[in-house]
PDB file of N, CA and C in Angstrom:
ATOM      1  N   MET A   1       0.845  -1.170   0.000  1.00  0.00           N
ATOM      2  CA  MET A   1       0.000   0.000   0.000  1.00  0.00           C
ATOM      3  C   MET A   1       0.892   1.236   0.000  1.00  0.00           C
ATOM      4  N   ALA A   2       0.536   2.214  -0.809  1.00  0.00           N
ATOM      5  CA  ALA A   2       1.328   3.437  -0.933  1.00  0.00           C
ATOM      6  C   ALA A   2       1.123   4.330   0.293  1.00  0.00           C
ATOM      7  N   GLU A   3       2.201   5.031   0.659  1.00  0.00           N
ATOM      8  CA  GLU A   3       2.108   5.954   1.790  1.00  0.00           C
ATOM      9  C   GLU A   3       1.355   7.204   1.358  1.00  0.00           C
ATOM     10  N   ARG A   4       0.563   7.732   2.265  1.00  0.00           N
ATOM     11  CA  ARG A   4      -0.187   8.945   1.964  1.00  0.00           C
ATOM     12  C   ARG A   4       0.494  10.129   2.633  1.00  0.00           C
ATOM     13  N   THR A   5       0.718  11.160   1.855  1.00  0.00           N
ATOM     14  CA  THR A   5       1.329  12.375   2.366  1.00  0.00           C
ATOM     15  C   THR A   5       0.219  13.347   2.754  1.00  0.00           C
ATOM     16  N   PRO A   6       0.315  13.965   3.932  1.00  0.00           N
ATOM     17  CA  PRO A   6      -0.725  14.909   4.321  1.00  0.00           C
ATOM     18  C   PRO A   6      -0.770  16.090   3.354  1.00  0.00           C
ATOM     19  N   LYS A   7      -1.972  16.551   3.066  1.00  0.00           N
ATOM     20  CA  LYS A   7      -2.162  17.676   2.166  1.00  0.00           C
ATOM     21  C   LYS A   7      -1.839  18.963   2.924  1.00  0.00           C
ATOM     22  N   LYS A   8      -1.055  19.838   2.297  1.00  0.00           N
ATOM     23  CA  LYS A   8      -0.710  21.112   2.917  1.00  0.00           C
ATOM     24  C   LYS A   8      -1.762  22.145   2.543  1.00  0.00           C
ATOM     25  N   VAL A   9      -2.223  22.879   3.545  1.00  0.00           N
ATOM     26  CA  VAL A   9      -3.234  23.901   3.332  1.00  0.00           C
ATOM     27  C   VAL A   9      -2.713  25.216   3.896  1.00  0.00           C
ATOM     28  N   VAL A  10      -2.827  26.275   3.117  1.00  0.00           N
ATOM     29  CA  VAL A  10      -2.407  27.597   3.566  1.00  0.00           C
ATOM     30  C   VAL A  10      -3.602  28.276   4.219  1.00  0.00           C
ATOM     31  N   VAL A  11      -3.412  28.734   5.464  1.00  0.00           N
ATOM     32  CA  VAL A  11      -4.485  29.381   6.217  1.00  0.00           C
ATOM     33  C   VAL A  11      -4.073  30.819   6.492  1.00  0.00           C
ATOM     34  N   SER A  12      -4.968  31.746   6.218  1.00  0.00           N
ATOM     35  CA  SER A  12      -4.661  33.161   6.447  1.00  0.00           C
ATOM     36  C   SER A  12      -4.595  33.442   7.955  1.00  0.00           C
ATOM     37  N   ALA A  13      -3.918  34.525   8.287  1.00  0.00           N
ATOM     38  CA  ALA A  13      -3.803  34.916   9.695  1.00  0.00           C
ATOM     39  C   ALA A  13      -5.179  35.247  10.270  1.00  0.00           C
ATOM     40  N   ALA A  14      -6.028  35.865   9.466  1.00  0.00           N
ATOM     41  CA  ALA A  14      -7.373  36.212   9.933  1.00  0.00           C
ATOM     42  C   ALA A  14      -8.186  34.957  10.238  1.00  0.00           C
ATOM     43  N   ALA A  15      -8.061  33.942   9.392  1.00  0.00           N
ATOM     44  CA  ALA A  15      -8.794  32.695   9.607  1.00  0.00           C
ATOM     45  C   ALA A  15      -8.294  31.988  10.871  1.00  0.00           C
ATOM     46  N   ALA A  16      -6.993  32.015  11.101  1.00  0.00           N
ATOM     47  CA  ALA A  16      -6.429  31.388  12.301  1.00  0.00           C
ATOM     48  C   ALA A  16      -6.905  32.117  13.555  1.00  0.00           C
ATOM     49  N   LYS A  17      -6.946  33.443  13.501  1.00  0.00           N
ATOM     50  CA  LYS A  17      -7.395  34.236  14.649  1.00  0.00           C
ATOM     51  C   LYS A  17      -8.874  33.964  14.935  1.00  0.00           C
ATOM     52  N   LYS A  18      -9.675  33.877  13.875  1.00  0.00           N
ATOM     53  CA  LYS A  18     -11.110  33.611  14.029  1.00  0.00           C
ATOM     54  C   LYS A  18     -11.332  32.223  14.630  1.00  0.00           C
ATOM     55  N   ALA A  19     -10.561  31.243  14.182  1.00  0.00           N
ATOM     56  CA  ALA A  19     -10.680  29.884  14.711  1.00  0.00           C
ATOM     57  C   ALA A  19     -10.283  29.844  16.189  1.00  0.00           C
ATOM     58  N   GLY A  20      -9.248  30.585  16.553  1.00  0.00           N
ATOM     59  CA  GLY A  20      -8.823  30.652  17.952  1.00  0.00           C
ATOM     60  C   GLY A  20      -9.886  31.274  18.842  1.00  0.00           C
ATOM     61  N   ALA A  21     -10.514  32.332  18.351  1.00  0.00           N
ATOM     62  CA  ALA A  21     -11.578  32.982  19.116  1.00  0.00           C
ATOM     63  C   ALA A  21     -12.765  32.040  19.289  1.00  0.00           C
ATOM     64  N   ARG A  22     -13.096  31.315  18.235  1.00  0.00           N
ATOM     65  CA  ARG A  22     -14.214  30.367  18.291  1.00  0.00           C
ATOM     66  C   ARG A  22     -13.916  29.253  19.282  1.00  0.00           C
ATOM     67  N   ALA A  23     -12.687  28.756  19.283  1.00  0.00           N
ATOM     68  CA  ALA A  23     -12.298  27.683  20.197  1.00  0.00           C
ATOM     69  C   ALA A  23     -12.300  28.166  21.648  1.00  0.00           C
ATOM     70  N   THR A  24     -11.846  29.394  21.874  1.00  0.00           N
ATOM     71  CA  THR A  24     -11.833  29.960  23.222  1.00  0.00           C
ATOM     72  C   THR A  24     -13.249  30.106  23.758  1.00  0.00           C
ATOM     73  N   LYS A  25     -14.146  30.586  22.901  1.00  0.00           N
ATOM     74  CA  LYS A  25     -15.543  30.760  23.300  1.00  0.00           C
ATOM     75  C   LYS A  25     -16.180  29.410  23.631  1.00  0.00           C
ATOM     76  N   ALA A  26     -15.913  28.394  22.806  1.00  0.00           N
ATOM     77  CA  ALA A  26     -16.475  27.058  23.037  1.00  0.00           C
ATOM     78  C   ALA A  26     -15.925  26.452  24.329  1.00  0.00           C
ATOM     79  N   SER A  27     -14.635  26.650  24.581  1.00  0.00           N
ATOM     80  CA  SER A  27     -14.021  26.125  25.794  1.00  0.00           C
ATOM     81  C   SER A  27     -14.629  26.768  27.032  1.00  0.00           C
ATOM     82  N   ALA A  28     -14.815  28.083  26.968  1.00  0.00           N
ATOM     83  CA  ALA A  28     -15.413  28.789  28.099  1.00  0.00           C
ATOM     84  C   ALA A  28     -16.829  28.296  28.360  1.00  0.00           C
ATOM     85  N   LYS A  29     -17.569  28.050  27.292  1.00  0.00           N
ATOM     86  CA  LYS A  29     -18.945  27.575  27.443  1.00  0.00           C
ATOM     87  C   LYS A  29     -18.970  26.203  28.116  1.00  0.00           C
ATOM     88  N   LEU A  30     -18.046  25.330  27.741  1.00  0.00           N
ATOM     89  CA  LEU A  30     -17.984  24.005  28.351  1.00  0.00           C
ATOM     90  C   LEU A  30     -17.671  24.081  29.844  1.00  0.00           C
ATOM     91  N   GLU A  31     -16.870  25.069  30.232  1.00  0.00           N
ATOM     92  CA  GLU A  31     -16.473  25.228  31.634  1.00  0.00           C
ATOM     93  C   GLU A  31     -17.458  26.081  32.424  1.00  0.00           C
ATOM     94  N   GLY A  32     -18.536  26.512  31.771  1.00  0.00           N
ATOM     95  CA  GLY A  32     -19.541  27.306  32.472  1.00  0.00           C
ATOM     96  C   GLY A  32     -19.154  28.754  32.667  1.00  0.00           C
ATOM     97  N   ARG A  33     -18.176  29.248  31.898  1.00  0.00           N
ATOM     98  CA  ARG A  33     -17.784  30.658  31.978  1.00  0.00           C
ATOM     99  C   ARG A  33     -18.424  31.402  30.812  1.00  0.00           C
ATOM    100  N   VAL A  34     -18.518  32.703  30.932  1.00  0.00           N
ATOM    101  CA  VAL A  34     -19.095  33.523  29.869  1.00  0.00           C
ATOM    102  C   VAL A  34     -18.095  34.614  29.515  1.00  0.00           C
ATOM    103  N   ILE A  35     -17.840  34.767  28.213  1.00  0.00           N
ATOM    104  CA  ILE A  35     -16.979  35.848  27.736  1.00  0.00           C
ATOM    105  C   ILE A  35     -17.891  36.855  27.046  1.00  0.00           C
ATOM    106  N   PRO A  36     -17.984  38.072  27.572  1.00  0.00           N
ATOM    107  CA  PRO A  36     -18.861  39.064  26.956  1.00  0.00           C
ATOM    108  C   PRO A  36     -18.467  39.335  25.505  1.00  0.00           C
ATOM    109  N   ALA A  37     -19.444  39.594  24.650  1.00  0.00           N
ATOM    110  CA  ALA A  37     -19.198  39.840  23.228  1.00  0.00           C
ATOM    111  C   ALA A  37     -18.313  41.069  23.022  1.00  0.00           C
ATOM    112  N   ASP A  38     -18.405  42.055  23.909  1.00  0.00           N
ATOM    113  CA  ASP A  38     -17.627  43.284  23.752  1.00  0.00           C
ATOM    114  C   ASP A  38     -16.285  43.239  24.493  1.00  0.00           C
ATOM    115  N   HIS A  39     -15.844  42.062  24.924  1.00  0.00           N
ATOM    116  CA  HIS A  39     -14.586  41.931  25.661  1.00  0.00           C
ATOM    117  C   HIS A  39     -13.399  42.302  24.780  1.00  0.00           C
ATOM    118  N   ARG A  40     -12.496  43.091  25.333  1.00  0.00           N
ATOM    119  CA  ARG A  40     -11.257  43.467  24.643  1.00  0.00           C
ATOM    120  C   ARG A  40     -10.095  43.209  25.590  1.00  0.00           C
ATOM    121  N   ARG A  41      -8.975  42.753  25.042  1.00  0.00           N
ATOM    122  CA  ARG A  41      -7.797  42.492  25.869  1.00  0.00           C
ATOM    123  C   ARG A  41      -7.194  43.804  26.356  1.00  0.00           C
ATOM    124  N   SER A  42      -6.655  43.778  27.566  1.00  0.00           N
ATOM    125  CA  SER A  42      -6.012  44.971  28.109  1.00  0.00           C
ATOM    126  C   SER A  42      -4.656  45.172  27.444  1.00  0.00           C
ATOM    127  N   ALA A  43      -4.095  46.358  27.587  1.00  0.00           N
ATOM    128  CA  ALA A  43      -2.793  46.667  27.007  1.00  0.00           C
ATOM    129  C   ALA A  43      -1.716  45.758  27.597  1.00  0.00           C
ATOM    130  N   ALA A  44      -1.821  45.454  28.894  1.00  0.00           N
ATOM    131  CA  ALA A  44      -0.833  44.603  29.546  1.00  0.00           C
ATOM    132  C   ALA A  44      -0.864  43.189  28.966  1.00  0.00           C
ATOM    133  N   VAL A  45      -2.059  42.669  28.708  1.00  0.00           N
ATOM    134  CA  VAL A  45      -2.185  41.333  28.137  1.00  0.00           C
ATOM    135  C   VAL A  45      -1.644  41.321  26.712  1.00  0.00           C
ATOM    136  N   LYS A  46      -1.963  42.344  25.935  1.00  0.00           N
ATOM    137  CA  LYS A  46      -1.450  42.424  24.555  1.00  0.00           C
ATOM    138  C   LYS A  46       0.077  42.464  24.549  1.00  0.00           C
ATOM    139  N   ALA A  47       0.663  43.231  25.478  1.00  0.00           N
ATOM    140  CA  ALA A  47       2.120  43.319  25.566  1.00  0.00           C
ATOM    141  C   ALA A  47       2.723  41.969  25.944  1.00  0.00           C
ATOM    142  N   TYR A  48       2.087  41.278  26.883  1.00  0.00           N
ATOM    143  CA  TYR A  48       2.568  39.964  27.299  1.00  0.00           C
ATOM    144  C   TYR A  48       2.521  38.973  26.137  1.00  0.00           C
ATOM    145  N   LEU A  49       1.414  38.941  25.417  1.00  0.00           N
ATOM    146  CA  LEU A  49       1.284  38.018  24.293  1.00  0.00           C
ATOM    147  C   LEU A  49       2.269  38.343  23.183  1.00  0.00           C
ATOM    148  N   ALA A  50       2.511  39.629  22.940  1.00  0.00           N
ATOM    149  CA  ALA A  50       3.479  40.030  21.925  1.00  0.00           C
ATOM    150  C   ALA A  50       4.882  39.564  22.327  1.00  0.00           C
ATOM    151  N   LYS A  51       5.177  39.623  23.610  1.00  0.00           N
ATOM    152  CA  LYS A  51       6.483  39.196  24.113  1.00  0.00           C
ATOM    153  C   LYS A  51       6.646  37.676  23.968  1.00  0.00           C
ATOM    154  N   GLN A  52       5.552  36.924  24.156  1.00  0.00           N
ATOM    155  CA  GLN A  52       5.597  35.469  24.093  1.00  0.00           C
ATOM    156  C   GLN A  52       5.655  34.924  22.668  1.00  0.00           C
ATOM    157  N   LYS A  53       5.243  35.731  21.700  1.00  0.00           N
ATOM    158  CA  LYS A  53       5.221  35.296  20.302  1.00  0.00           C
ATOM    159  C   LYS A  53       6.615  34.961  19.836  1.00  0.00           C
ATOM    160  N   SER A  54       6.736  33.877  19.091  1.00  0.00           N
ATOM    161  CA  SER A  54       8.050  33.529  18.560  1.00  0.00           C
ATOM    162  C   SER A  54       8.393  34.477  17.416  1.00  0.00           C
ATOM    163  N   PRO A  55       9.655  34.804  17.255  1.00  0.00           N
ATOM    164  CA  PRO A  55      10.040  35.719  16.182  1.00  0.00           C
ATOM    165  C   PRO A  55       9.767  35.125  14.806  1.00  0.00           C
ATOM    166  N   LYS A  56       9.393  35.990  13.868  1.00  0.00           N
ATOM    167  CA  LYS A  56       9.124  35.518  12.497  1.00  0.00           C
ATOM    168  C   LYS A  56      10.438  35.205  11.812  1.00  0.00           C
ATOM    169  N   ARG A  57      10.406  34.192  10.982  1.00  0.00           N
ATOM    170  CA  ARG A  57      11.631  33.796  10.276  1.00  0.00           C
ATOM    171  C   ARG A  57      11.740  34.503   8.965  1.00  0.00           C
TER     172      ARG A  57
END
């Protein structure tokens, strides 16, 4: 039987961000938490996440 190579798919940054938001909302719902629709990250959280991001190659 021939080996199957996984198909490579290019995903836009916007699509990845939307999928992450959807997953976060679903996870919160499963845990009984609620994230308000108008929730925005604080400047401190944005700075922390920017610091944690791996550098682009």
